[in-house]
Amino acid sequence: MTSIDDAVNQTEADGRISRETLGWILGFLGVLAFSFTLPFTRIASPELGGMFVGIGRAMLAASIALGIVLVRRDPLPARRYWWPIAIVAIGTVFGFGPLVSIAMEYVPAIHGVVVVGLLPAATAIMAVLRAGERPGPAFWLACGAGVVAVLIFAIAQGAGRLQGADLLLLAAVLLAALGYAEGGRLSREMAGWQVICWALVFSIPILAILTATIVATGGMPQGSGDAWLSFLYLGSISMLIGFFPWYKGLALGGVARVGQIQLVQPVMSLIWAWAMLGEHISLGAALASILVIASAALSRLTRNR
């Protein structure tokens, strides 16, 4: 798990690539891992149940994280880190996963992609509130362009009026942004993989109670092989491994700026939804995708104050 940090330190020492550029590269790897989350959730949730998928995937990730810290014999983080780690857990463990999993029982993956496309703007705002970053006017113009692009994206997909699932998705976006910003800030002092691992480990008592309650009341869910493979990806990659490069990238390049890489996540998720689920992509959506990528490129040219 130290391989990412060792590689980053070696790269910086060699002067082969700037710290900021490296942050963007790592951030993109995290976004690539996250881009499969909605399609796989759409496969797993209708069969296994949204609540089981949302809590169960976190329990799976927490079990892996516990194994990592035990094998490495890592000591508990200092007490001053406990509250920030708890905020990360609230946003990423108990917020985004369960809310999205429940929403994906009722709406197509592409619909979820549209709403979650607002995550970069939310992350930028949380970066100001929690990470103490102060992006300049050019950044906010780029961020606004990204929001407009996502709204055009929504119109192209015919998102229509807000539904109950949309409210769940919006709440998931706000909580994920909180977890991302706090995790990125904390990753300036801890390794990115340690942030998500300890957030999961600290969550185990609550996750164990919730998982046992779900299974006791509804029984162990029955699903196809595809549903369980999707669940495995969500628990191991979306909930854990994807955060290793993501949090490191946020720490290196800045939460607000690297967070804008998420603007390309709706485009990638759209492609996966088409390839994996057979959902239709309109010409308007394809054109909107170009605007999304362009706004992400524009934010790359801005600077933090």
Protein backbone atom coordinates (compact mmCIF):
# COMPACT_ATOMS: atom_id res chain seq x y z
CA MET A 1 0.00 0.00 0.00
CA THR A 2 3.00 2.27 0.35
CA SER A 3 3.77 1.73 -3.34
CA ILE A 4 1.75 4.78 -4.38
CA ASP A 5 3.46 7.04 -1.85
CA ASP A 6 6.89 5.60 -2.65
CA ALA A 7 6.32 6.09 -6.37
CA VAL A 8 5.13 9.65 -5.80
CA ASN A 9 8.11 10.52 -3.63
CA GLN A 10 10.55 8.99 -6.11
CA THR A 11 8.93 10.78 -9.04
CA GLU A 12 9.07 14.12 -7.22
CA ALA A 13 12.70 13.53 -6.26
CA ASP A 14 13.64 12.75 -9.85
CA GLY A 15 11.89 15.90 -11.05
CA ARG A 16 10.36 13.99 -13.96
CA ILE A 17 6.86 15.31 -13.38
CA SER A 18 5.38 18.14 -11.36
CA ARG A 19 3.51 17.50 -8.12
CA GLU A 20 0.34 18.99 -9.58
CA THR A 21 0.44 16.92 -12.77
CA LEU A 22 1.03 13.79 -10.74
CA GLY A 23 -2.00 14.71 -8.67
CA TRP A 24 -4.10 14.89 -11.83
CA ILE A 25 -2.85 11.51 -13.04
CA LEU A 26 -3.66 9.82 -9.73
CA GLY A 27 -6.99 11.64 -9.59
CA PHE A 28 -7.89 10.31 -13.03
CA LEU A 29 -7.11 6.74 -11.93
CA GLY A 30 -9.49 7.19 -9.02
CA VAL A 31 -12.21 8.62 -11.26
CA LEU A 32 -11.76 5.72 -13.69
CA ALA A 33 -12.36 3.28 -10.85
CA PHE A 34 -15.40 5.24 -9.65
CA SER A 35 -16.90 5.55 -13.14
CA PHE A 36 -18.04 1.92 -13.01
CA THR A 37 -19.89 2.45 -9.72
CA LEU A 38 -23.33 3.44 -11.06
CA PRO A 39 -23.54 0.76 -13.78
CA PHE A 40 -22.47 -1.97 -11.36
CA THR A 41 -24.84 -0.63 -8.70
CA ARG A 42 -27.65 -0.70 -11.26
CA ILE A 43 -26.87 -4.39 -11.88
CA ALA A 44 -26.60 -5.35 -8.20
CA SER A 45 -29.29 -3.30 -6.45
CA PRO A 46 -32.48 -4.55 -8.19
CA GLU A 47 -31.52 -8.16 -7.42
CA LEU A 48 -29.79 -7.90 -4.05
CA GLY A 49 -31.63 -4.87 -2.68
CA GLY A 50 -30.37 -1.33 -2.44
CA MET A 51 -29.91 -1.31 1.32
CA PHE A 52 -27.98 -4.59 1.31
CA VAL A 53 -25.73 -3.41 -1.52
CA GLY A 54 -25.13 0.00 0.08
CA ILE A 55 -24.27 -1.33 3.54
CA GLY A 56 -22.93 -4.73 2.48
CA ARG A 57 -20.37 -3.31 0.08
CA ALA A 58 -19.08 -1.04 2.85
CA MET A 59 -18.87 -4.03 5.22
CA LEU A 60 -16.88 -5.95 2.59
CA ALA A 61 -14.52 -3.01 2.09
CA ALA A 62 -14.16 -2.56 5.85
CA SER A 63 -13.22 -6.23 6.26
CA ILE A 64 -10.49 -5.87 3.63
CA ALA A 65 -9.29 -2.62 5.20
CA LEU A 66 -9.11 -4.28 8.63
CA GLY A 67 -7.01 -7.06 7.14
CA ILE A 68 -4.64 -4.49 5.62
CA VAL A 69 -4.01 -2.59 8.85
CA LEU A 70 -3.65 -5.82 10.85
CA VAL A 71 -1.14 -7.32 8.43
CA ARG A 72 0.82 -4.08 8.41
CA ARG A 73 0.44 -3.71 12.19
CA ASP A 74 -0.37 -0.06 11.78
CA PRO A 75 -1.03 1.82 15.04
CA LEU A 76 -4.25 3.73 15.55
CA PRO A 77 -4.18 7.25 14.10
CA ALA A 78 -3.54 10.06 16.58
CA ARG A 79 -6.66 11.28 18.36
CA ARG A 80 -6.60 14.59 16.49
CA TYR A 81 -7.38 12.65 13.32
CA TRP A 82 -10.40 10.79 14.68
CA TRP A 83 -12.98 13.49 13.95
CA PRO A 84 -11.77 14.11 10.35
CA ILE A 85 -11.79 10.34 9.78
CA ALA A 86 -15.35 10.23 11.12
CA ILE A 87 -16.35 12.93 8.61
CA VAL A 88 -14.81 10.87 5.80
CA ALA A 89 -16.82 7.87 7.00
CA ILE A 90 -20.06 9.85 7.14
CA GLY A 91 -19.58 11.06 3.57
CA THR A 92 -18.14 8.04 1.80
CA VAL A 93 -19.16 5.02 3.88
CA PHE A 94 -22.63 5.87 5.20
CA GLY A 95 -23.61 8.58 2.72
CA PHE A 96 -22.85 8.04 -0.93
CA GLY A 97 -22.92 4.25 -1.17
CA PRO A 98 -26.24 3.46 0.54
CA LEU A 99 -28.12 6.43 -0.98
CA VAL A 100 -26.96 5.67 -4.53
CA SER A 101 -27.65 1.96 -4.10
CA ILE A 102 -31.25 2.63 -3.05
CA ALA A 103 -31.76 5.15 -5.87
CA MET A 104 -30.46 2.69 -8.47
CA GLU A 105 -33.35 0.36 -7.67
CA TYR A 106 -35.72 2.85 -9.30
CA VAL A 107 -33.92 4.81 -12.03
CA PRO A 108 -31.62 3.89 -14.94
CA ALA A 109 -27.87 4.22 -14.52
CA ILE A 110 -27.80 7.08 -17.05
CA HIS A 111 -30.31 9.02 -14.93
CA GLY A 112 -28.03 8.61 -11.93
CA VAL A 113 -25.03 9.66 -13.99
CA VAL A 114 -26.74 12.97 -14.79
CA VAL A 115 -27.33 13.94 -11.16
CA VAL A 116 -24.00 12.67 -9.86
CA GLY A 117 -22.42 14.83 -12.55
CA LEU A 118 -22.87 17.74 -10.13
CA LEU A 119 -20.27 16.19 -7.79
CA PRO A 120 -17.28 18.26 -9.05
CA ALA A 121 -19.01 21.55 -8.24
CA ALA A 122 -20.06 20.22 -4.83
CA THR A 123 -16.52 19.03 -4.15
CA ALA A 124 -15.13 22.47 -5.04
CA ILE A 125 -17.51 24.12 -2.58
CA MET A 126 -16.60 21.64 0.15
CA ALA A 127 -12.91 22.25 -0.59
CA VAL A 128 -13.46 25.90 0.28
CA LEU A 129 -15.43 25.07 3.43
CA ARG A 130 -13.36 22.14 4.74
CA ALA A 131 -9.94 22.13 3.05
CA GLY A 132 -9.27 25.86 3.29
CA GLU A 133 -8.62 26.23 -0.43
CA ARG A 134 -9.21 29.55 -2.20
CA PRO A 135 -9.49 29.00 -5.96
CA GLY A 136 -9.31 32.11 -8.12
CA PRO A 137 -12.09 33.55 -10.33
CA ALA A 138 -10.87 31.63 -13.38
CA PHE A 139 -11.40 28.37 -11.54
CA TRP A 140 -14.95 29.27 -10.59
CA LEU A 141 -15.70 30.18 -14.19
CA ALA A 142 -14.43 26.78 -15.26
CA CYS A 143 -16.43 25.13 -12.48
CA GLY A 144 -19.56 27.01 -13.59
CA ALA A 145 -18.96 25.89 -17.15
CA GLY A 146 -18.84 22.33 -15.87
CA VAL A 147 -22.17 22.70 -14.08
CA VAL A 148 -23.74 24.15 -17.23
CA ALA A 149 -22.31 21.26 -19.24
CA VAL A 150 -23.82 18.78 -16.78
CA LEU A 151 -27.22 20.53 -17.01
CA ILE A 152 -27.06 20.30 -20.80
CA PHE A 153 -26.11 16.68 -20.30
CA ALA A 154 -29.25 16.22 -18.18
CA ILE A 155 -31.47 17.82 -20.82
CA ALA A 156 -29.94 15.63 -23.51
CA GLN A 157 -30.78 12.55 -21.47
CA GLY A 158 -34.30 13.73 -20.68
CA ALA A 159 -33.80 13.64 -16.93
CA GLY A 160 -37.19 15.31 -16.45
CA ARG A 161 -38.51 16.54 -13.13
CA LEU A 162 -37.09 15.56 -9.78
CA GLN A 163 -38.16 12.20 -8.35
CA GLY A 164 -37.60 10.67 -4.95
CA ALA A 165 -34.55 8.90 -6.34
CA ASP A 166 -33.18 12.26 -7.51
CA LEU A 167 -33.36 13.61 -3.97
CA LEU A 168 -31.42 10.57 -2.74
CA LEU A 169 -28.82 11.14 -5.46
CA LEU A 170 -28.49 14.83 -4.60
CA ALA A 171 -28.00 13.99 -0.93
CA ALA A 172 -25.41 11.39 -1.99
CA VAL A 173 -23.56 14.05 -4.01
CA LEU A 174 -23.36 16.44 -1.05
CA LEU A 175 -22.16 13.75 1.34
CA ALA A 176 -19.62 12.38 -1.15
CA ALA A 177 -18.26 15.90 -1.70
CA LEU A 178 -17.87 16.29 2.06
CA GLY A 179 -16.01 12.98 2.30
CA TYR A 180 -13.79 13.81 -0.68
CA ALA A 181 -12.84 17.26 0.60
CA GLU A 182 -12.13 16.07 4.14
CA GLY A 183 -10.25 13.03 2.89
CA GLY A 184 -8.17 15.14 0.52
CA ARG A 185 -7.33 17.56 3.31
CA LEU A 186 -6.41 14.72 5.67
CA SER A 187 -4.27 13.07 2.97
CA ARG A 188 -1.85 15.97 3.27
CA GLU A 189 -0.85 14.51 6.64
CA MET A 190 -1.62 10.79 6.17
CA ALA A 191 -1.28 8.42 3.24
CA GLY A 192 -4.42 8.39 1.11
CA TRP A 193 -4.92 4.65 1.57
CA GLN A 194 -4.72 5.08 5.35
CA VAL A 195 -7.50 7.67 5.30
CA ILE A 196 -10.06 5.40 3.64
CA CYS A 197 -8.87 2.27 5.47
CA TRP A 198 -9.25 3.84 8.92
CA ALA A 199 -12.57 5.45 7.95
CA LEU A 200 -13.83 1.96 7.10
CA VAL A 201 -12.29 0.28 10.15
CA PHE A 202 -13.81 2.88 12.48
CA SER A 203 -17.19 2.16 10.83
CA ILE A 204 -17.12 -1.60 11.42
CA PRO A 205 -19.23 -1.67 14.65
CA ILE A 206 -22.09 0.26 13.02
CA LEU A 207 -21.73 -1.58 9.69
CA ALA A 208 -21.81 -4.96 11.44
CA ILE A 209 -25.03 -4.09 13.28
CA LEU A 210 -26.69 -2.73 10.12
CA THR A 211 -25.62 -5.71 8.00
CA ALA A 212 -26.84 -8.22 10.59
CA THR A 213 -30.16 -6.37 10.87
CA ILE A 214 -30.69 -6.31 7.09
CA VAL A 215 -29.94 -10.02 6.76
CA ALA A 216 -32.02 -10.93 9.83
CA THR A 217 -35.10 -9.06 8.63
CA GLY A 218 -34.92 -9.82 4.91
CA GLY A 219 -32.78 -12.91 4.74
CA MET A 220 -29.63 -13.36 2.69
CA PRO A 221 -30.42 -11.97 -0.77
CA GLN A 222 -30.43 -14.24 -3.79
CA GLY A 223 -29.01 -12.91 -7.04
CA SER A 224 -27.32 -13.86 -10.28
CA GLY A 225 -23.61 -14.24 -10.74
CA ASP A 226 -23.49 -10.83 -12.42
CA ALA A 227 -25.14 -9.22 -9.42
CA TRP A 228 -22.64 -10.73 -6.99
CA LEU A 229 -19.65 -9.88 -9.21
CA SER A 230 -20.92 -6.31 -9.37
CA PHE A 231 -21.25 -6.32 -5.58
CA LEU A 232 -17.65 -7.56 -5.30
CA TYR A 233 -16.40 -4.71 -7.48
CA LEU A 234 -18.35 -2.14 -5.47
CA GLY A 235 -16.96 -3.42 -2.19
CA SER A 236 -13.33 -3.86 -3.23
CA ILE A 237 -12.71 -1.17 -5.87
CA SER A 238 -15.38 1.54 -5.61
CA MET A 239 -15.40 1.51 -1.82
CA LEU A 240 -11.71 0.96 -1.13
CA ILE A 241 -8.95 0.61 -3.74
CA GLY A 242 -10.19 3.46 -5.93
CA PHE A 243 -9.67 5.84 -3.01
CA PHE A 244 -5.95 5.07 -2.77
CA PRO A 245 -4.92 7.10 -5.85
CA TRP A 246 -7.91 9.44 -5.51
CA TYR A 247 -7.08 10.84 -2.08
CA LYS A 248 -3.37 11.04 -2.92
CA GLY A 249 -4.22 12.96 -6.08
CA LEU A 250 -6.42 15.40 -4.15
CA ALA A 251 -3.64 16.00 -1.66
CA LEU A 252 -1.04 16.64 -4.37
CA GLY A 253 -3.01 18.76 -6.81
CA GLY A 254 -5.60 20.39 -4.56
CA VAL A 255 -9.08 19.19 -3.67
CA ALA A 256 -10.93 21.82 -5.70
CA ARG A 257 -8.87 21.53 -8.87
CA VAL A 258 -8.23 17.78 -9.03
CA GLY A 259 -11.86 17.26 -8.03
CA GLN A 260 -12.83 18.73 -11.41
CA ILE A 261 -11.55 15.55 -13.08
CA GLN A 262 -14.89 14.13 -11.95
CA LEU A 263 -16.42 16.12 -14.80
CA VAL A 264 -15.35 13.32 -17.15
CA GLN A 265 -16.83 10.66 -14.87
CA PRO A 266 -20.39 11.10 -16.24
CA VAL A 267 -19.04 10.59 -19.75
CA MET A 268 -17.22 7.39 -18.82
CA SER A 269 -20.18 6.13 -16.78
CA LEU A 270 -22.43 6.84 -19.75
CA ILE A 271 -20.24 4.72 -21.98
CA TRP A 272 -20.20 1.87 -19.44
CA ALA A 273 -24.00 2.09 -19.06
CA TRP A 274 -24.35 1.75 -22.83
CA ALA A 275 -21.81 -1.09 -23.11
CA MET A 276 -22.85 -3.05 -20.00
CA LEU A 277 -26.58 -2.33 -19.73
CA GLY A 278 -27.56 -1.45 -23.29
CA GLU A 279 -28.90 1.97 -22.28
CA HIS A 280 -29.37 4.41 -25.17
CA ILE A 281 -27.01 7.33 -25.81
CA SER A 282 -28.50 10.15 -27.86
CA LEU A 283 -26.60 12.46 -30.19
CA GLY A 284 -27.31 15.32 -27.79
CA ALA A 285 -25.67 13.40 -24.96
CA ALA A 286 -22.60 12.77 -27.09
CA LEU A 287 -22.30 16.49 -27.86
CA ALA A 288 -22.81 17.38 -24.20
CA SER A 289 -20.01 14.98 -23.36
CA ILE A 290 -17.62 17.13 -25.37
CA LEU A 291 -18.61 20.16 -23.27
CA VAL A 292 -18.03 18.19 -20.07
CA ILE A 293 -14.50 17.21 -21.11
CA ALA A 294 -13.76 20.76 -22.32
CA SER A 295 -14.75 22.26 -18.96
CA ALA A 296 -12.49 19.77 -17.17
CA ALA A 297 -9.61 20.81 -19.43
CA LEU A 298 -10.36 24.47 -18.73
CA SER A 299 -10.20 23.95 -14.98
CA ARG A 300 -6.78 22.34 -15.49
CA LEU A 301 -5.43 25.71 -16.64
CA THR A 302 -6.47 27.56 -13.47
CA ARG A 303 -4.41 28.15 -10.33
CA ASN A 304 -5.17 28.10 -6.61
CA ARG A 305 -4.54 31.29 -4.72
